[in-house]
């Protein structure tokens, strides 16, 4: 469970994708071959995917990306809850709603044990809440990429643009 709740993986190998435009202009997309879903990515291993003018990124551009990634890891860790807390709260909320709703609904049946029905309903919906909470952990990647896009957008002289993945 700790492996799932805390994220354990980092980005995969770096891939450079050339962009050759019709008039001879060149750019390069620098992407990480992601092997696992976003919710499994550890916050301290998040990396930006980006595009630059030309075929090779200069040392200055690479340093700008590294500085942005460093700041955005801190930002993401600051503005998002601890992974275990986020999943635990989602589980508790779903459990409480399921316990209450199904427990109260069982009173419509004569002789039904509303406590037993409530416990079953709470367990079933609590498990769904855990799954939903884990999937929502992928939002940390969106937060990280949005931060990177904002920072590098403030410094257009580096000619680095962040490419964001879909949050879904």
N, C-alpha and C. Protein backbone atom coordinates (compact mmCIF):
# COMPACT_ATOMS: atom_id res chain seq x y z
N UNK A 1 0.83 -1.19 0.00
CA UNK A 1 0.00 0.00 0.00
C UNK A 1 0.88 1.26 0.00
N UNK A 2 1.98 1.24 0.74
CA UNK A 2 2.85 2.42 0.79
C UNK A 2 3.39 2.74 -0.60
N UNK A 3 3.71 1.69 -1.36
CA UNK A 3 4.23 1.91 -2.70
C UNK A 3 3.19 2.63 -3.56
N UNK A 4 1.93 2.23 -3.42
CA UNK A 4 0.88 2.86 -4.21
C UNK A 4 0.62 4.27 -3.71
N UNK A 5 0.56 4.46 -2.41
CA UNK A 5 0.16 5.76 -1.86
C UNK A 5 1.23 6.83 -2.01
N UNK A 6 2.48 6.46 -2.02
CA UNK A 6 3.53 7.47 -2.03
C UNK A 6 4.17 7.68 -3.38
N UNK A 7 3.84 6.90 -4.38
CA UNK A 7 4.50 7.04 -5.67
C UNK A 7 5.90 6.45 -5.59
N UNK A 8 6.31 5.78 -6.62
CA UNK A 8 7.58 5.09 -6.49
C UNK A 8 8.42 5.16 -7.76
N UNK A 9 7.90 5.70 -8.80
CA UNK A 9 8.60 5.64 -10.07
C UNK A 9 8.97 7.03 -10.56
N UNK A 10 9.93 7.06 -11.44
CA UNK A 10 10.32 8.31 -12.08
C UNK A 10 10.09 8.20 -13.57
N UNK A 11 10.43 9.27 -14.28
CA UNK A 11 10.24 9.23 -15.73
C UNK A 11 11.19 8.23 -16.37
N UNK A 12 10.81 7.75 -17.53
CA UNK A 12 11.64 6.80 -18.26
C UNK A 12 12.77 7.50 -19.01
N UNK A 13 13.29 6.82 -19.99
CA UNK A 13 14.42 7.34 -20.75
C UNK A 13 14.03 8.59 -21.53
N UNK A 14 15.02 9.42 -21.74
CA UNK A 14 14.83 10.67 -22.47
C UNK A 14 14.80 10.37 -23.97
N UNK A 15 13.83 10.95 -24.66
CA UNK A 15 13.70 10.77 -26.11
C UNK A 15 13.69 12.12 -26.77
N UNK A 16 14.51 12.28 -27.80
CA UNK A 16 14.54 13.53 -28.57
C UNK A 16 13.80 13.29 -29.88
N UNK A 17 12.78 14.10 -30.12
CA UNK A 17 11.94 13.95 -31.31
C UNK A 17 12.17 15.17 -32.21
N UNK A 18 12.75 14.97 -33.39
CA UNK A 18 13.01 16.11 -34.27
C UNK A 18 11.73 16.63 -34.93
N UNK A 19 11.66 17.95 -35.08
CA UNK A 19 10.56 18.59 -35.79
C UNK A 19 11.19 19.34 -36.96
N UNK A 20 10.87 18.93 -38.18
CA UNK A 20 11.40 19.56 -39.39
C UNK A 20 10.25 20.23 -40.12
N UNK A 21 10.26 21.55 -40.13
CA UNK A 21 9.19 22.32 -40.77
C UNK A 21 9.48 22.49 -42.26
N UNK A 22 8.46 22.80 -43.07
CA UNK A 22 8.62 22.86 -44.53
C UNK A 22 9.67 23.85 -45.03
N UNK A 23 9.90 24.95 -44.32
CA UNK A 23 10.87 25.94 -44.79
C UNK A 23 12.26 25.72 -44.18
N UNK A 24 12.49 24.54 -43.62
CA UNK A 24 13.80 24.21 -43.08
C UNK A 24 13.99 24.53 -41.60
N UNK A 25 13.00 25.12 -40.97
CA UNK A 25 13.14 25.40 -39.54
C UNK A 25 13.17 24.07 -38.77
N UNK A 26 13.92 24.10 -37.68
CA UNK A 26 14.06 22.87 -36.89
C UNK A 26 13.73 23.16 -35.43
N UNK A 27 13.18 22.15 -34.79
CA UNK A 27 12.93 22.19 -33.36
C UNK A 27 13.09 20.77 -32.83
N UNK A 28 13.19 20.65 -31.52
CA UNK A 28 13.32 19.34 -30.92
C UNK A 28 12.38 19.23 -29.72
N UNK A 29 11.60 18.17 -29.71
CA UNK A 29 10.78 17.85 -28.55
C UNK A 29 11.61 16.93 -27.66
N UNK A 30 11.69 17.26 -26.40
CA UNK A 30 12.42 16.42 -25.45
C UNK A 30 11.38 15.84 -24.50
N UNK A 31 11.20 14.53 -24.59
CA UNK A 31 10.15 13.85 -23.84
C UNK A 31 10.73 12.67 -23.07
N UNK A 32 10.02 12.29 -22.02
CA UNK A 32 10.41 11.14 -21.21
C UNK A 32 9.45 9.99 -21.52
N UNK A 33 10.01 8.85 -21.82
CA UNK A 33 9.22 7.67 -22.14
C UNK A 33 8.61 7.15 -20.84
N UNK A 34 7.37 7.52 -20.60
CA UNK A 34 6.73 7.20 -19.32
C UNK A 34 6.25 5.75 -19.31
N UNK A 35 6.71 5.01 -18.34
CA UNK A 35 6.40 3.59 -18.25
C UNK A 35 5.25 3.27 -17.29
N UNK A 36 4.88 4.23 -16.45
CA UNK A 36 3.85 3.98 -15.43
C UNK A 36 2.82 5.10 -15.45
N UNK A 37 1.64 4.87 -14.90
CA UNK A 37 0.64 5.94 -14.82
C UNK A 37 1.11 7.10 -13.94
N UNK A 38 0.54 8.28 -14.17
CA UNK A 38 0.94 9.47 -13.42
C UNK A 38 0.88 9.29 -11.92
N UNK A 39 -0.12 8.54 -11.43
CA UNK A 39 -0.27 8.43 -9.98
C UNK A 39 0.86 7.64 -9.33
N UNK A 40 1.63 6.92 -10.12
CA UNK A 40 2.76 6.18 -9.56
C UNK A 40 4.06 6.99 -9.55
N UNK A 41 4.05 8.17 -10.17
CA UNK A 41 5.27 8.97 -10.24
C UNK A 41 5.54 9.65 -8.89
N UNK A 42 6.74 9.51 -8.41
CA UNK A 42 7.15 10.16 -7.17
C UNK A 42 7.35 11.65 -7.45
N UNK A 43 6.92 12.50 -6.51
CA UNK A 43 7.03 13.95 -6.70
C UNK A 43 8.47 14.38 -6.91
N UNK A 44 9.41 13.73 -6.24
CA UNK A 44 10.81 14.14 -6.34
C UNK A 44 11.49 13.67 -7.63
N UNK A 45 10.74 12.94 -8.47
CA UNK A 45 11.32 12.46 -9.72
C UNK A 45 10.60 13.01 -10.95
N UNK A 46 9.64 13.90 -10.75
CA UNK A 46 8.91 14.47 -11.88
C UNK A 46 9.86 15.22 -12.81
N UNK A 47 9.61 15.14 -14.11
CA UNK A 47 10.44 15.83 -15.10
C UNK A 47 9.55 16.44 -16.17
N UNK A 48 9.98 17.55 -16.71
CA UNK A 48 9.22 18.26 -17.74
C UNK A 48 9.50 17.69 -19.12
N UNK A 49 8.48 17.68 -19.95
CA UNK A 49 8.63 17.43 -21.38
C UNK A 49 8.55 18.81 -22.03
N UNK A 50 9.43 19.08 -22.98
CA UNK A 50 9.48 20.43 -23.54
C UNK A 50 9.94 20.42 -24.99
N UNK A 51 9.80 21.58 -25.63
CA UNK A 51 10.24 21.75 -27.01
C UNK A 51 11.13 22.98 -27.08
N UNK A 52 12.17 22.87 -27.89
CA UNK A 52 13.12 23.98 -28.06
C UNK A 52 13.33 24.23 -29.55
N UNK A 53 13.78 25.44 -29.88
CA UNK A 53 14.17 25.74 -31.26
C UNK A 53 15.50 25.06 -31.54
N UNK A 54 15.65 24.54 -32.73
CA UNK A 54 16.91 23.93 -33.13
C UNK A 54 16.96 22.44 -32.84
N UNK A 55 18.12 21.86 -33.14
CA UNK A 55 18.29 20.42 -32.99
C UNK A 55 18.79 20.03 -31.61
N UNK A 56 19.58 20.85 -30.98
CA UNK A 56 20.16 20.50 -29.68
C UNK A 56 19.86 21.61 -28.68
N UNK A 57 19.58 21.20 -27.48
CA UNK A 57 19.36 22.15 -26.40
C UNK A 57 20.72 22.67 -25.93
N UNK A 58 20.81 23.98 -25.74
CA UNK A 58 22.06 24.57 -25.24
C UNK A 58 22.18 24.28 -23.75
N UNK A 59 23.41 24.45 -23.24
CA UNK A 59 23.62 24.27 -21.80
C UNK A 59 22.75 25.22 -20.99
N UNK A 60 22.59 26.43 -21.50
CA UNK A 60 21.77 27.44 -20.82
C UNK A 60 20.30 26.99 -20.75
N UNK A 61 19.80 26.42 -21.85
CA UNK A 61 18.42 25.92 -21.87
C UNK A 61 18.24 24.74 -20.92
N UNK A 62 19.21 23.84 -20.90
CA UNK A 62 19.13 22.70 -19.99
C UNK A 62 19.17 23.14 -18.53
N UNK A 63 19.99 24.16 -18.24
CA UNK A 63 20.04 24.70 -16.87
C UNK A 63 18.73 25.38 -16.50
N UNK A 64 18.09 26.05 -17.47
CA UNK A 64 16.80 26.70 -17.21
C UNK A 64 15.73 25.64 -16.91
N UNK A 65 15.75 24.54 -17.65
CA UNK A 65 14.80 23.46 -17.40
C UNK A 65 15.06 22.84 -16.03
N UNK A 66 16.33 22.60 -15.69
CA UNK A 66 16.67 22.01 -14.39
C UNK A 66 16.23 22.92 -13.24
N UNK A 67 16.47 24.23 -13.37
CA UNK A 67 16.07 25.18 -12.32
C UNK A 67 14.55 25.21 -12.18
N UNK A 68 13.85 25.15 -13.31
CA UNK A 68 12.39 25.14 -13.30
C UNK A 68 11.87 23.87 -12.64
N UNK A 69 12.43 22.72 -13.01
CA UNK A 69 12.00 21.45 -12.41
C UNK A 69 12.22 21.45 -10.90
N UNK A 70 13.36 21.97 -10.47
CA UNK A 70 13.67 22.01 -9.03
C UNK A 70 12.62 22.85 -8.29
N UNK A 71 12.34 24.03 -8.80
CA UNK A 71 11.36 24.91 -8.15
C UNK A 71 9.96 24.32 -8.19
N UNK A 72 9.59 23.70 -9.30
CA UNK A 72 8.25 23.15 -9.44
C UNK A 72 8.03 21.90 -8.59
N UNK A 73 9.10 21.14 -8.32
CA UNK A 73 8.97 20.01 -7.38
C UNK A 73 8.62 20.53 -5.99
N UNK A 74 9.30 21.61 -5.58
CA UNK A 74 9.01 22.21 -4.27
C UNK A 74 7.59 22.76 -4.27
N UNK A 75 7.21 23.45 -5.34
CA UNK A 75 5.87 24.02 -5.45
C UNK A 75 4.80 22.92 -5.37
N UNK A 76 4.98 21.85 -6.14
CA UNK A 76 4.00 20.76 -6.17
C UNK A 76 3.87 20.12 -4.80
N UNK A 77 5.00 19.93 -4.13
CA UNK A 77 4.98 19.33 -2.79
C UNK A 77 4.31 20.26 -1.78
N UNK A 78 4.39 21.57 -2.02
CA UNK A 78 3.81 22.56 -1.11
C UNK A 78 2.30 22.68 -1.26
N UNK A 79 1.81 22.69 -2.49
CA UNK A 79 0.39 22.98 -2.72
C UNK A 79 -0.49 21.73 -2.79
N UNK A 80 0.09 20.56 -2.82
CA UNK A 80 -0.71 19.34 -2.87
C UNK A 80 -0.56 18.58 -1.56
N UNK A 81 -1.63 17.93 -1.10
CA UNK A 81 -1.53 17.21 0.17
C UNK A 81 -0.62 15.99 0.05
N UNK A 82 -0.18 15.52 1.19
CA UNK A 82 0.58 14.28 1.26
C UNK A 82 -0.26 13.19 0.58
N UNK A 83 0.38 12.33 -0.20
CA UNK A 83 -0.35 11.31 -0.97
C UNK A 83 -1.18 10.40 -0.07
N UNK A 84 -0.61 9.97 1.05
CA UNK A 84 -1.32 9.07 1.95
C UNK A 84 -2.54 9.78 2.56
N UNK A 85 -2.39 11.04 2.92
CA UNK A 85 -3.51 11.81 3.47
C UNK A 85 -4.60 11.98 2.41
N UNK A 86 -4.20 12.30 1.18
CA UNK A 86 -5.17 12.51 0.11
C UNK A 86 -5.99 11.24 -0.14
N UNK A 87 -5.33 10.10 -0.21
CA UNK A 87 -6.03 8.83 -0.46
C UNK A 87 -6.86 8.45 0.77
N UNK A 88 -6.31 8.63 1.95
CA UNK A 88 -7.03 8.29 3.19
C UNK A 88 -8.31 9.10 3.36
N UNK A 89 -8.25 10.39 3.07
CA UNK A 89 -9.44 11.23 3.20
C UNK A 89 -10.50 10.83 2.18
N UNK A 90 -10.08 10.50 0.98
CA UNK A 90 -11.03 10.06 -0.05
C UNK A 90 -11.70 8.76 0.39
N UNK A 91 -10.92 7.83 0.94
CA UNK A 91 -11.46 6.57 1.44
C UNK A 91 -12.47 6.81 2.55
N UNK A 92 -12.09 7.66 3.51
CA UNK A 92 -12.98 7.94 4.65
C UNK A 92 -14.28 8.60 4.21
N UNK A 93 -14.19 9.53 3.30
CA UNK A 93 -15.38 10.22 2.81
C UNK A 93 -16.33 9.24 2.12
N UNK A 94 -15.80 8.42 1.21
CA UNK A 94 -16.63 7.44 0.51
C UNK A 94 -17.23 6.44 1.50
N UNK A 95 -16.41 6.00 2.48
CA UNK A 95 -16.91 5.04 3.47
C UNK A 95 -18.08 5.64 4.25
N UNK A 96 -17.93 6.87 4.71
CA UNK A 96 -18.98 7.51 5.51
C UNK A 96 -20.26 7.66 4.70
N UNK A 97 -20.15 8.08 3.46
CA UNK A 97 -21.33 8.26 2.62
C UNK A 97 -22.00 6.92 2.34
N UNK A 98 -21.19 5.90 2.02
CA UNK A 98 -21.75 4.57 1.75
C UNK A 98 -22.40 3.97 2.98
N UNK A 99 -21.75 4.09 4.11
CA UNK A 99 -22.29 3.55 5.36
C UNK A 99 -23.63 4.20 5.69
N UNK A 100 -23.66 5.52 5.60
CA UNK A 100 -24.88 6.25 5.93
C UNK A 100 -26.00 5.98 4.92
N UNK A 101 -25.70 6.11 3.66
CA UNK A 101 -26.72 5.95 2.62
C UNK A 101 -27.30 4.56 2.56
N UNK A 102 -26.45 3.55 2.54
CA UNK A 102 -26.95 2.18 2.43
C UNK A 102 -27.56 1.73 3.75
N UNK A 103 -26.97 2.17 4.86
CA UNK A 103 -27.55 1.84 6.17
C UNK A 103 -28.95 2.41 6.32
N UNK A 104 -29.14 3.66 5.94
CA UNK A 104 -30.48 4.27 6.01
C UNK A 104 -31.43 3.64 5.00
N UNK A 105 -30.93 3.38 3.81
CA UNK A 105 -31.77 2.77 2.78
C UNK A 105 -32.25 1.39 3.16
N UNK A 106 -31.46 0.64 3.93
CA UNK A 106 -31.86 -0.72 4.32
C UNK A 106 -33.05 -0.73 5.26
N UNK A 107 -33.35 0.40 5.87
CA UNK A 107 -34.50 0.47 6.78
C UNK A 107 -35.82 0.30 6.04
N UNK A 108 -35.78 0.39 4.73
CA UNK A 108 -36.99 0.17 3.93
C UNK A 108 -37.38 -1.31 3.92
N UNK A 109 -36.45 -2.17 4.26
CA UNK A 109 -36.72 -3.61 4.28
C UNK A 109 -37.00 -4.08 5.70
N UNK A 110 -38.08 -4.76 5.88
CA UNK A 110 -38.47 -5.26 7.21
C UNK A 110 -37.45 -6.29 7.68
N UNK A 111 -36.98 -6.11 8.88
CA UNK A 111 -36.05 -7.06 9.49
C UNK A 111 -34.61 -6.89 9.06
N UNK A 112 -34.30 -5.93 8.21
CA UNK A 112 -32.92 -5.73 7.76
C UNK A 112 -32.09 -5.13 8.88
N UNK A 113 -30.87 -5.59 9.00
CA UNK A 113 -29.95 -5.06 9.99
C UNK A 113 -29.22 -3.88 9.35
N UNK A 114 -29.67 -2.68 9.69
CA UNK A 114 -29.10 -1.49 9.03
C UNK A 114 -27.62 -1.31 9.34
N UNK A 115 -27.15 -1.77 10.50
CA UNK A 115 -25.73 -1.67 10.82
C UNK A 115 -24.90 -2.57 9.91
N UNK A 116 -25.39 -3.79 9.68
CA UNK A 116 -24.68 -4.73 8.80
C UNK A 116 -24.68 -4.21 7.35
N UNK A 117 -25.84 -3.73 6.89
CA UNK A 117 -25.91 -3.17 5.54
C UNK A 117 -25.00 -1.94 5.42
N UNK A 118 -25.01 -1.12 6.46
CA UNK A 118 -24.17 0.07 6.45
C UNK A 118 -22.69 -0.28 6.37
N UNK A 119 -22.28 -1.30 7.14
CA UNK A 119 -20.87 -1.73 7.12
C UNK A 119 -20.49 -2.25 5.74
N UNK A 120 -21.37 -3.03 5.15
CA UNK A 120 -21.11 -3.53 3.79
C UNK A 120 -21.01 -2.37 2.80
N UNK A 121 -21.98 -1.47 2.87
CA UNK A 121 -21.98 -0.32 1.96
C UNK A 121 -20.76 0.56 2.15
N UNK A 122 -20.38 0.76 3.41
CA UNK A 122 -19.19 1.57 3.69
C UNK A 122 -17.92 0.94 3.16
N UNK A 123 -17.81 -0.38 3.34
CA UNK A 123 -16.62 -1.08 2.84
C UNK A 123 -16.54 -1.02 1.32
N UNK A 124 -17.67 -1.25 0.67
CA UNK A 124 -17.68 -1.25 -0.80
C UNK A 124 -17.36 0.13 -1.35
N UNK A 125 -18.02 1.15 -0.83
CA UNK A 125 -17.77 2.49 -1.36
C UNK A 125 -16.42 3.03 -0.88
N UNK A 126 -15.97 2.62 0.30
CA UNK A 126 -14.65 3.03 0.77
C UNK A 126 -13.54 2.52 -0.14
N UNK A 127 -13.71 1.29 -0.62
CA UNK A 127 -12.74 0.73 -1.57
C UNK A 127 -12.74 1.52 -2.87
N UNK A 128 -13.93 1.90 -3.32
CA UNK A 128 -14.03 2.74 -4.52
C UNK A 128 -13.37 4.10 -4.27
N UNK A 129 -13.52 4.63 -3.07
CA UNK A 129 -12.89 5.90 -2.71
C UNK A 129 -11.38 5.81 -2.73
N UNK A 130 -10.85 4.68 -2.27
CA UNK A 130 -9.41 4.47 -2.30
C UNK A 130 -8.90 4.48 -3.75
N UNK A 131 -9.60 3.75 -4.61
CA UNK A 131 -9.21 3.72 -6.02
C UNK A 131 -9.28 5.11 -6.64
N UNK A 132 -10.34 5.83 -6.35
CA UNK A 132 -10.50 7.18 -6.89
C UNK A 132 -9.40 8.11 -6.35
N UNK A 133 -9.08 7.99 -5.08
CA UNK A 133 -8.02 8.82 -4.49
C UNK A 133 -6.67 8.54 -5.13
N UNK A 134 -6.39 7.28 -5.42
CA UNK A 134 -5.12 6.92 -6.06
C UNK A 134 -5.05 7.51 -7.47
N UNK A 135 -6.14 7.39 -8.22
CA UNK A 135 -6.15 7.94 -9.57
C UNK A 135 -5.95 9.46 -9.54
N UNK A 136 -6.54 10.13 -8.57
CA UNK A 136 -6.41 11.59 -8.47
C UNK A 136 -4.98 12.03 -8.17
N UNK A 137 -4.15 11.12 -7.69
CA UNK A 137 -2.74 11.48 -7.43
C UNK A 137 -2.04 11.92 -8.71
N UNK A 138 -2.56 11.51 -9.86
CA UNK A 138 -1.98 11.94 -11.14
C UNK A 138 -2.05 13.44 -11.33
N UNK A 139 -2.91 14.12 -10.58
CA UNK A 139 -3.01 15.58 -10.67
C UNK A 139 -1.74 16.29 -10.29
N UNK A 140 -0.87 15.61 -9.54
CA UNK A 140 0.40 16.25 -9.17
C UNK A 140 1.25 16.51 -10.42
N UNK A 141 1.13 15.63 -11.43
CA UNK A 141 1.87 15.82 -12.67
C UNK A 141 1.36 17.06 -13.39
N UNK A 142 0.04 17.22 -13.44
CA UNK A 142 -0.54 18.41 -14.07
C UNK A 142 -0.09 19.67 -13.35
N UNK A 143 -0.10 19.65 -12.03
CA UNK A 143 0.34 20.80 -11.23
C UNK A 143 1.79 21.14 -11.54
N UNK A 144 2.62 20.11 -11.61
CA UNK A 144 4.05 20.27 -11.90
C UNK A 144 4.26 20.87 -13.29
N UNK A 145 3.57 20.33 -14.29
CA UNK A 145 3.73 20.82 -15.66
C UNK A 145 3.19 22.24 -15.82
N UNK A 146 2.09 22.54 -15.16
CA UNK A 146 1.53 23.88 -15.21
C UNK A 146 2.49 24.89 -14.60
N UNK A 147 3.13 24.51 -13.50
CA UNK A 147 4.14 25.36 -12.87
C UNK A 147 5.29 25.61 -13.85
N UNK A 148 5.79 24.55 -14.48
CA UNK A 148 6.89 24.68 -15.43
C UNK A 148 6.54 25.57 -16.62
N UNK A 149 5.33 25.40 -17.11
CA UNK A 149 4.87 26.23 -18.24
C UNK A 149 4.83 27.70 -17.84
N UNK A 150 4.36 27.97 -16.64
CA UNK A 150 4.27 29.35 -16.16
C UNK A 150 5.65 29.97 -15.98
N UNK A 151 6.56 29.25 -15.34
CA UNK A 151 7.91 29.78 -15.10
C UNK A 151 8.63 30.04 -16.42
N UNK A 152 8.68 29.05 -17.29
CA UNK A 152 9.41 29.23 -18.55
C UNK A 152 8.72 30.24 -19.46
N UNK A 153 7.42 30.43 -19.29
CA UNK A 153 6.72 31.47 -20.03
C UNK A 153 7.12 32.86 -19.58
N UNK A 154 7.57 32.99 -18.33
CA UNK A 154 8.03 34.29 -17.81
C UNK A 154 9.40 34.67 -18.35
N UNK A 155 10.14 33.69 -18.84
CA UNK A 155 11.49 33.92 -19.35
C UNK A 155 11.59 33.42 -20.80
N UNK A 156 10.95 34.14 -21.73
CA UNK A 156 10.90 33.67 -23.12
C UNK A 156 12.26 33.64 -23.82
N UNK A 157 13.24 34.32 -23.28
CA UNK A 157 14.56 34.36 -23.90
C UNK A 157 15.23 32.99 -23.97
N UNK A 158 14.82 32.06 -23.12
CA UNK A 158 15.42 30.71 -23.16
C UNK A 158 14.85 29.86 -24.29
N UNK A 159 13.73 30.30 -24.86
CA UNK A 159 13.08 29.60 -25.97
C UNK A 159 12.79 28.13 -25.64
N UNK A 160 12.27 27.90 -24.44
CA UNK A 160 11.85 26.57 -24.01
C UNK A 160 10.36 26.63 -23.73
N UNK A 161 9.61 25.71 -24.31
CA UNK A 161 8.17 25.65 -24.08
C UNK A 161 7.83 24.28 -23.50
N UNK A 162 7.05 24.28 -22.45
CA UNK A 162 6.66 23.03 -21.80
C UNK A 162 5.50 22.40 -22.56
N UNK A 163 5.57 21.09 -22.74
CA UNK A 163 4.47 20.33 -23.34
C UNK A 163 3.75 19.61 -22.22
N UNK A 164 2.45 19.86 -22.10
CA UNK A 164 1.68 19.23 -21.04
C UNK A 164 0.93 18.02 -21.56
N UNK A 165 0.87 17.00 -20.71
CA UNK A 165 0.04 15.84 -21.01
C UNK A 165 -1.38 16.16 -20.59
N UNK A 166 -2.32 15.42 -21.09
CA UNK A 166 -3.70 15.58 -20.68
C UNK A 166 -3.84 15.18 -19.21
N UNK A 167 -4.67 15.91 -18.44
CA UNK A 167 -4.86 15.50 -17.05
C UNK A 167 -5.74 14.27 -16.92
N UNK A 168 -6.21 13.72 -18.03
CA UNK A 168 -7.11 12.55 -17.98
C UNK A 168 -6.41 11.31 -18.44
